[in-house]
């Protein structure tokens, strides 16, 4: 079984979770931690995510900013649990992970990350081509 945690500053994690649910449903273990929305410590939410840790399951944690406080807090858990920690999360990456067969190999995960990076683009219209909508998406 794959367990996914998205931990971000403010409510970004919940936004990713809701977008994922809208696009592909709620059939997978996915938890969102929205850090620093109030004065409470979110460490207990991380503890809850790993509470029933099973070494036979796949755990993937996604954070928003490399070196940010949320990412730094999650890194500490790598001393105790075996999981993949990916930072700089975007929606294409989350969807690719969710839709990938289990388990994801390290090689496949690197490809998913590369593809997610390539989804970042400046969108410009090229009016010199036909006005076919399909041309826009190429």
N, C-alpha and C. Protein backbone atom coordinates (compact mmCIF):
# COMPACT_ATOMS: atom_id res chain seq x y z
N UNK A 1 0.84 -1.17 0.00
CA UNK A 1 0.00 0.00 0.00
C UNK A 1 0.89 1.24 0.00
N UNK A 2 0.45 2.25 -0.70
CA UNK A 2 1.19 3.51 -0.76
C UNK A 2 0.53 4.53 0.16
N UNK A 3 1.35 5.18 0.99
CA UNK A 3 0.90 6.24 1.89
C UNK A 3 1.59 7.52 1.45
N UNK A 4 0.81 8.57 1.26
CA UNK A 4 1.36 9.84 0.80
C UNK A 4 1.01 10.92 1.81
N UNK A 5 2.03 11.72 2.14
CA UNK A 5 1.84 12.87 3.01
C UNK A 5 2.30 14.10 2.25
N UNK A 6 1.46 15.13 2.24
CA UNK A 6 1.84 16.42 1.69
C UNK A 6 1.88 17.38 2.88
N UNK A 7 3.04 17.98 3.10
CA UNK A 7 3.20 18.91 4.21
C UNK A 7 3.74 20.22 3.66
N UNK A 8 3.00 21.30 3.90
CA UNK A 8 3.38 22.61 3.35
C UNK A 8 3.10 23.72 4.35
N UNK A 9 3.63 24.87 4.03
CA UNK A 9 3.28 26.08 4.77
C UNK A 9 1.86 26.48 4.41
N UNK A 10 1.11 26.93 5.39
CA UNK A 10 -0.26 27.39 5.22
C UNK A 10 -1.14 26.28 4.65
N UNK A 11 -2.11 26.61 3.83
CA UNK A 11 -3.12 25.64 3.39
C UNK A 11 -2.83 25.04 2.01
N UNK A 12 -1.62 25.20 1.52
CA UNK A 12 -1.28 24.66 0.20
C UNK A 12 -1.48 23.14 0.15
N UNK A 13 -1.09 22.43 1.19
CA UNK A 13 -1.23 20.96 1.20
C UNK A 13 -2.68 20.55 1.04
N UNK A 14 -3.58 21.21 1.73
CA UNK A 14 -5.01 20.89 1.61
C UNK A 14 -5.50 21.18 0.20
N UNK A 15 -5.00 22.24 -0.42
CA UNK A 15 -5.36 22.55 -1.80
C UNK A 15 -4.92 21.45 -2.75
N UNK A 16 -3.70 20.97 -2.58
CA UNK A 16 -3.22 19.85 -3.41
C UNK A 16 -4.10 18.62 -3.20
N UNK A 17 -4.43 18.33 -1.95
CA UNK A 17 -5.25 17.16 -1.65
C UNK A 17 -6.63 17.27 -2.30
N UNK A 18 -7.25 18.43 -2.19
CA UNK A 18 -8.59 18.62 -2.78
C UNK A 18 -8.54 18.57 -4.31
N UNK A 19 -7.50 19.14 -4.89
CA UNK A 19 -7.37 19.09 -6.36
C UNK A 19 -7.19 17.65 -6.81
N UNK A 20 -6.37 16.90 -6.11
CA UNK A 20 -6.17 15.48 -6.43
C UNK A 20 -7.49 14.72 -6.34
N UNK A 21 -8.27 14.96 -5.29
CA UNK A 21 -9.55 14.28 -5.10
C UNK A 21 -10.53 14.64 -6.22
N UNK A 22 -10.53 15.89 -6.63
CA UNK A 22 -11.40 16.32 -7.72
C UNK A 22 -11.03 15.61 -9.02
N UNK A 23 -9.74 15.48 -9.29
CA UNK A 23 -9.29 14.94 -10.56
C UNK A 23 -9.26 13.43 -10.63
N UNK A 24 -8.89 12.75 -9.53
CA UNK A 24 -8.75 11.30 -9.61
C UNK A 24 -9.43 10.54 -8.48
N UNK A 25 -10.13 11.21 -7.59
CA UNK A 25 -10.88 10.52 -6.55
C UNK A 25 -10.14 10.42 -5.23
N UNK A 26 -10.77 9.71 -4.30
CA UNK A 26 -10.28 9.65 -2.92
C UNK A 26 -9.89 8.24 -2.50
N UNK A 27 -9.52 7.41 -3.43
CA UNK A 27 -9.29 6.00 -3.12
C UNK A 27 -7.92 5.68 -2.56
N UNK A 28 -7.10 6.66 -2.28
CA UNK A 28 -5.75 6.38 -1.83
C UNK A 28 -5.46 7.08 -0.51
N UNK A 29 -4.55 6.48 0.26
CA UNK A 29 -4.12 7.05 1.54
C UNK A 29 -3.30 8.31 1.27
N UNK A 30 -3.90 9.47 1.53
CA UNK A 30 -3.23 10.73 1.32
C UNK A 30 -3.59 11.67 2.47
N UNK A 31 -2.58 12.16 3.16
CA UNK A 31 -2.81 13.06 4.28
C UNK A 31 -2.16 14.40 3.97
N UNK A 32 -2.83 15.47 4.37
CA UNK A 32 -2.30 16.82 4.18
C UNK A 32 -2.04 17.45 5.54
N UNK A 33 -0.87 18.07 5.65
CA UNK A 33 -0.54 18.84 6.85
C UNK A 33 -0.32 20.28 6.43
N UNK A 34 -1.14 21.15 7.00
CA UNK A 34 -1.06 22.59 6.73
C UNK A 34 -0.36 23.24 7.93
N UNK A 35 0.92 23.50 7.78
CA UNK A 35 1.72 24.01 8.89
C UNK A 35 1.61 25.53 9.02
N UNK A 36 1.71 25.97 10.22
CA UNK A 36 1.76 27.40 10.56
C UNK A 36 0.48 28.17 10.23
N UNK A 37 -0.67 27.49 10.23
CA UNK A 37 -1.92 28.22 10.05
C UNK A 37 -2.42 28.79 11.37
N UNK A 38 -1.85 28.29 12.45
CA UNK A 38 -2.12 28.83 13.78
C UNK A 38 -0.89 28.55 14.64
N UNK A 39 -1.02 28.73 15.93
CA UNK A 39 0.13 28.57 16.84
C UNK A 39 0.42 27.12 17.21
N UNK A 40 -0.43 26.18 16.79
CA UNK A 40 -0.24 24.78 17.20
C UNK A 40 0.95 24.14 16.50
N UNK A 41 1.52 23.15 17.18
CA UNK A 41 2.65 22.39 16.64
C UNK A 41 2.09 21.26 15.79
N UNK A 42 2.56 21.14 14.57
CA UNK A 42 2.05 20.12 13.67
C UNK A 42 2.83 18.80 13.75
N UNK A 43 3.79 18.71 14.67
CA UNK A 43 4.58 17.49 14.81
C UNK A 43 3.70 16.28 15.09
N UNK A 44 2.67 16.45 15.90
CA UNK A 44 1.79 15.31 16.21
C UNK A 44 1.09 14.78 14.97
N UNK A 45 0.84 15.63 13.98
CA UNK A 45 0.24 15.15 12.73
C UNK A 45 1.22 14.29 11.93
N UNK A 46 2.49 14.64 11.98
CA UNK A 46 3.51 13.81 11.32
C UNK A 46 3.59 12.47 12.05
N UNK A 47 3.59 12.53 13.40
CA UNK A 47 3.61 11.30 14.19
C UNK A 47 2.43 10.39 13.84
N UNK A 48 1.25 10.98 13.66
CA UNK A 48 0.05 10.20 13.31
C UNK A 48 0.22 9.53 11.95
N UNK A 49 0.85 10.23 11.00
CA UNK A 49 1.06 9.65 9.68
C UNK A 49 1.92 8.38 9.78
N UNK A 50 2.92 8.40 10.63
CA UNK A 50 3.81 7.25 10.77
C UNK A 50 3.39 6.30 11.89
N UNK A 51 2.28 6.58 12.56
CA UNK A 51 1.85 5.82 13.73
C UNK A 51 1.77 4.31 13.48
N UNK A 52 1.21 3.92 12.38
CA UNK A 52 1.07 2.49 12.05
C UNK A 52 2.03 2.10 10.94
N UNK A 53 3.23 2.64 11.00
CA UNK A 53 4.24 2.41 9.96
C UNK A 53 4.41 0.91 9.70
N UNK A 54 4.41 0.57 8.44
CA UNK A 54 4.59 -0.82 8.00
C UNK A 54 5.72 -0.83 6.98
N UNK A 55 6.79 -1.50 7.28
CA UNK A 55 7.96 -1.50 6.39
C UNK A 55 7.67 -2.15 5.05
N UNK A 56 6.57 -2.85 4.94
CA UNK A 56 6.19 -3.47 3.66
C UNK A 56 5.38 -2.52 2.78
N UNK A 57 5.03 -1.36 3.31
CA UNK A 57 4.28 -0.37 2.54
C UNK A 57 5.22 0.69 1.99
N UNK A 58 4.71 1.45 1.04
CA UNK A 58 5.48 2.52 0.43
C UNK A 58 5.02 3.85 1.01
N UNK A 59 5.99 4.66 1.45
CA UNK A 59 5.69 5.96 2.03
C UNK A 59 6.40 7.04 1.23
N UNK A 60 5.62 8.04 0.82
CA UNK A 60 6.16 9.17 0.08
C UNK A 60 5.68 10.45 0.76
N UNK A 61 6.63 11.33 1.07
CA UNK A 61 6.30 12.60 1.70
C UNK A 61 6.72 13.71 0.74
N UNK A 62 5.80 14.63 0.50
CA UNK A 62 6.02 15.75 -0.40
C UNK A 62 5.96 17.05 0.40
N UNK A 63 6.96 17.91 0.22
CA UNK A 63 6.96 19.20 0.89
C UNK A 63 7.10 20.31 -0.14
N UNK A 64 6.88 21.53 0.32
CA UNK A 64 6.85 22.65 -0.61
C UNK A 64 8.21 23.28 -0.90
N UNK A 65 9.04 23.49 0.11
CA UNK A 65 10.28 24.26 -0.10
C UNK A 65 11.48 23.50 0.45
N UNK A 66 12.46 23.23 -0.41
CA UNK A 66 13.69 22.59 0.02
C UNK A 66 14.39 23.47 1.05
N UNK A 67 14.71 22.89 2.19
CA UNK A 67 15.39 23.64 3.25
C UNK A 67 14.46 24.48 4.11
N UNK A 68 13.17 24.52 3.74
CA UNK A 68 12.20 25.26 4.54
C UNK A 68 11.93 24.55 5.85
N UNK A 69 11.29 25.23 6.76
CA UNK A 69 11.07 24.67 8.09
C UNK A 69 10.25 23.38 8.08
N UNK A 70 9.27 23.29 7.20
CA UNK A 70 8.46 22.06 7.11
C UNK A 70 9.35 20.91 6.62
N UNK A 71 10.12 21.16 5.59
CA UNK A 71 11.03 20.15 5.05
C UNK A 71 12.05 19.72 6.10
N UNK A 72 12.58 20.67 6.84
CA UNK A 72 13.58 20.35 7.87
C UNK A 72 12.99 19.46 8.96
N UNK A 73 11.74 19.72 9.32
CA UNK A 73 11.11 18.91 10.37
C UNK A 73 10.88 17.48 9.88
N UNK A 74 10.50 17.32 8.61
CA UNK A 74 10.25 15.99 8.06
C UNK A 74 11.55 15.20 7.93
N UNK A 75 12.64 15.86 7.58
CA UNK A 75 13.93 15.18 7.40
C UNK A 75 14.31 14.40 8.65
N UNK A 76 14.01 14.92 9.80
CA UNK A 76 14.33 14.24 11.07
C UNK A 76 13.72 12.85 11.13
N UNK A 77 12.54 12.67 10.54
CA UNK A 77 11.85 11.38 10.57
C UNK A 77 12.55 10.31 9.71
N UNK A 78 13.42 10.74 8.82
CA UNK A 78 14.15 9.78 7.98
C UNK A 78 15.13 8.95 8.81
N UNK A 79 15.48 9.43 10.00
CA UNK A 79 16.35 8.66 10.89
C UNK A 79 15.63 7.44 11.44
N UNK A 80 14.31 7.49 11.51
CA UNK A 80 13.53 6.41 12.12
C UNK A 80 12.74 5.58 11.10
N UNK A 81 12.31 6.22 10.01
CA UNK A 81 11.44 5.55 9.04
C UNK A 81 12.06 5.59 7.64
N UNK A 82 11.76 4.57 6.87
CA UNK A 82 12.21 4.50 5.49
C UNK A 82 11.10 5.05 4.60
N UNK A 83 11.33 6.23 4.04
CA UNK A 83 10.36 6.84 3.13
C UNK A 83 11.09 7.73 2.15
N UNK A 84 10.40 8.07 1.08
CA UNK A 84 10.96 8.99 0.10
C UNK A 84 10.46 10.39 0.43
N UNK A 85 11.38 11.34 0.44
CA UNK A 85 11.04 12.73 0.71
C UNK A 85 11.37 13.54 -0.53
N UNK A 86 10.34 14.17 -1.09
CA UNK A 86 10.48 14.97 -2.30
C UNK A 86 10.01 16.38 -1.97
N UNK A 87 10.80 17.35 -2.36
CA UNK A 87 10.44 18.73 -2.07
C UNK A 87 10.22 19.49 -3.38
N UNK A 88 9.50 20.60 -3.30
CA UNK A 88 9.15 21.36 -4.49
C UNK A 88 7.93 20.77 -5.18
N UNK A 89 7.02 20.22 -4.41
CA UNK A 89 5.85 19.52 -4.96
C UNK A 89 5.04 20.42 -5.89
N UNK A 90 4.54 19.82 -6.95
CA UNK A 90 3.54 20.48 -7.79
C UNK A 90 2.45 19.47 -8.11
N UNK A 91 1.33 19.94 -8.62
CA UNK A 91 0.20 19.06 -8.87
C UNK A 91 0.50 17.97 -9.90
N UNK A 92 1.21 18.26 -10.99
CA UNK A 92 1.54 17.18 -11.92
C UNK A 92 2.34 16.05 -11.25
N UNK A 93 3.25 16.39 -10.36
CA UNK A 93 4.02 15.36 -9.66
C UNK A 93 3.11 14.54 -8.76
N UNK A 94 2.28 15.20 -7.99
CA UNK A 94 1.37 14.48 -7.10
C UNK A 94 0.49 13.52 -7.89
N UNK A 95 -0.09 14.00 -8.98
CA UNK A 95 -0.96 13.13 -9.78
C UNK A 95 -0.18 11.96 -10.38
N UNK A 96 1.02 12.21 -10.84
CA UNK A 96 1.83 11.13 -11.41
C UNK A 96 2.14 10.06 -10.37
N UNK A 97 2.44 10.48 -9.16
CA UNK A 97 2.72 9.52 -8.09
C UNK A 97 1.47 8.73 -7.76
N UNK A 98 0.36 9.41 -7.61
CA UNK A 98 -0.90 8.75 -7.26
C UNK A 98 -1.31 7.74 -8.32
N UNK A 99 -1.10 8.07 -9.57
CA UNK A 99 -1.54 7.21 -10.66
C UNK A 99 -0.53 6.14 -11.06
N UNK A 100 0.65 6.17 -10.48
CA UNK A 100 1.67 5.17 -10.80
C UNK A 100 1.39 3.85 -10.09
N UNK A 101 1.73 2.75 -10.77
CA UNK A 101 1.58 1.45 -10.10
C UNK A 101 2.53 1.35 -8.91
N UNK A 102 2.13 0.55 -7.95
CA UNK A 102 2.95 0.37 -6.75
C UNK A 102 3.89 -0.79 -6.94
N UNK A 103 5.04 -0.79 -6.36
CA UNK A 103 5.74 0.36 -5.83
C UNK A 103 6.43 1.13 -6.96
N UNK A 104 6.81 2.35 -6.67
CA UNK A 104 7.54 3.17 -7.64
C UNK A 104 9.04 2.95 -7.40
N UNK A 105 9.75 2.55 -8.43
CA UNK A 105 11.20 2.38 -8.29
C UNK A 105 11.86 3.75 -8.20
N UNK A 106 13.09 3.77 -7.71
CA UNK A 106 13.85 5.03 -7.64
C UNK A 106 14.00 5.64 -9.04
N UNK A 107 14.27 4.78 -10.01
CA UNK A 107 14.43 5.25 -11.39
C UNK A 107 13.14 5.88 -11.92
N UNK A 108 12.02 5.21 -11.67
CA UNK A 108 10.73 5.75 -12.12
C UNK A 108 10.39 7.05 -11.41
N UNK A 109 10.73 7.14 -10.13
CA UNK A 109 10.45 8.36 -9.38
C UNK A 109 11.26 9.53 -9.94
N UNK A 110 12.50 9.28 -10.31
CA UNK A 110 13.30 10.34 -10.92
C UNK A 110 12.70 10.80 -12.25
N UNK A 111 12.12 9.89 -13.00
CA UNK A 111 11.46 10.24 -14.27
C UNK A 111 10.22 11.09 -13.99
N UNK A 112 9.44 10.71 -12.97
CA UNK A 112 8.25 11.48 -12.62
C UNK A 112 8.62 12.90 -12.19
N UNK A 113 9.70 13.02 -11.44
CA UNK A 113 10.16 14.35 -11.01
C UNK A 113 10.60 15.17 -12.21
N UNK A 114 11.34 14.54 -13.11
CA UNK A 114 11.79 15.23 -14.33
C UNK A 114 10.59 15.72 -15.14
N UNK A 115 9.61 14.84 -15.32
CA UNK A 115 8.41 15.21 -16.08
C UNK A 115 7.65 16.35 -15.40
N UNK A 116 7.58 16.32 -14.07
CA UNK A 116 6.89 17.38 -13.33
C UNK A 116 7.60 18.72 -13.50
N UNK A 117 8.93 18.69 -13.52
CA UNK A 117 9.69 19.93 -13.76
C UNK A 117 9.38 20.47 -15.15
N UNK A 118 9.30 19.56 -16.12
CA UNK A 118 9.05 19.99 -17.49
C UNK A 118 7.64 20.51 -17.70
N UNK A 119 6.75 20.29 -16.73
CA UNK A 119 5.39 20.82 -16.85
C UNK A 119 5.35 22.32 -16.53
N UNK A 120 6.43 22.85 -15.98
CA UNK A 120 6.52 24.28 -15.72
C UNK A 120 6.89 24.99 -17.02
N UNK A 121 6.00 25.82 -17.51
CA UNK A 121 6.21 26.47 -18.80
C UNK A 121 5.61 27.87 -18.80
N UNK A 122 6.17 28.71 -19.62
CA UNK A 122 5.52 29.98 -19.94
C UNK A 122 4.60 29.69 -21.12
N UNK A 123 3.35 30.02 -20.98
CA UNK A 123 2.38 29.74 -22.03
C UNK A 123 2.23 30.97 -22.92
N UNK A 124 2.51 30.78 -24.18
CA UNK A 124 2.35 31.85 -25.16
C UNK A 124 1.56 31.32 -26.34
N UNK A 125 0.72 32.15 -26.90
CA UNK A 125 -0.04 31.77 -28.06
C UNK A 125 0.77 32.05 -29.32
N UNK A 126 0.76 31.10 -30.21
CA UNK A 126 1.43 31.26 -31.49
C UNK A 126 0.33 31.45 -32.53
N UNK A 127 0.03 32.66 -32.88
CA UNK A 127 -1.06 32.96 -33.81
C UNK A 127 -0.69 32.69 -35.26
N UNK A 128 0.57 32.36 -35.52
CA UNK A 128 0.97 32.09 -36.91
C UNK A 128 0.50 30.72 -37.38
N UNK A 129 0.22 29.82 -36.44
CA UNK A 129 -0.29 28.49 -36.80
C UNK A 129 -1.80 28.53 -36.93
N UNK A 130 -2.37 27.41 -37.22
CA UNK A 130 -3.83 27.33 -37.33
C UNK A 130 -4.45 27.62 -35.97
N UNK A 131 -5.71 27.88 -35.97
CA UNK A 131 -6.41 28.18 -34.73
C UNK A 131 -7.02 26.92 -34.13
N UNK A 132 -6.49 25.78 -34.51
CA UNK A 132 -6.97 24.52 -33.99
C UNK A 132 -6.55 24.39 -32.53
N UNK A 133 -7.49 24.04 -31.67
CA UNK A 133 -7.22 23.92 -30.25
C UNK A 133 -6.16 22.87 -29.97
N UNK A 134 -6.11 21.83 -30.75
CA UNK A 134 -5.13 20.78 -30.54
C UNK A 134 -3.71 21.29 -30.76
N UNK A 135 -3.53 22.24 -31.65
CA UNK A 135 -2.19 22.80 -31.90
C UNK A 135 -1.67 23.50 -30.65
N UNK A 136 -2.56 24.13 -29.90
CA UNK A 136 -2.17 24.86 -28.70
C UNK A 136 -1.54 23.91 -27.68
N UNK A 137 -2.04 22.69 -27.61
CA UNK A 137 -1.61 21.74 -26.59
C UNK A 137 -0.38 20.94 -27.00
N UNK A 138 0.16 21.14 -28.15
CA UNK A 138 1.33 20.38 -28.60
C UNK A 138 2.60 20.92 -28.04
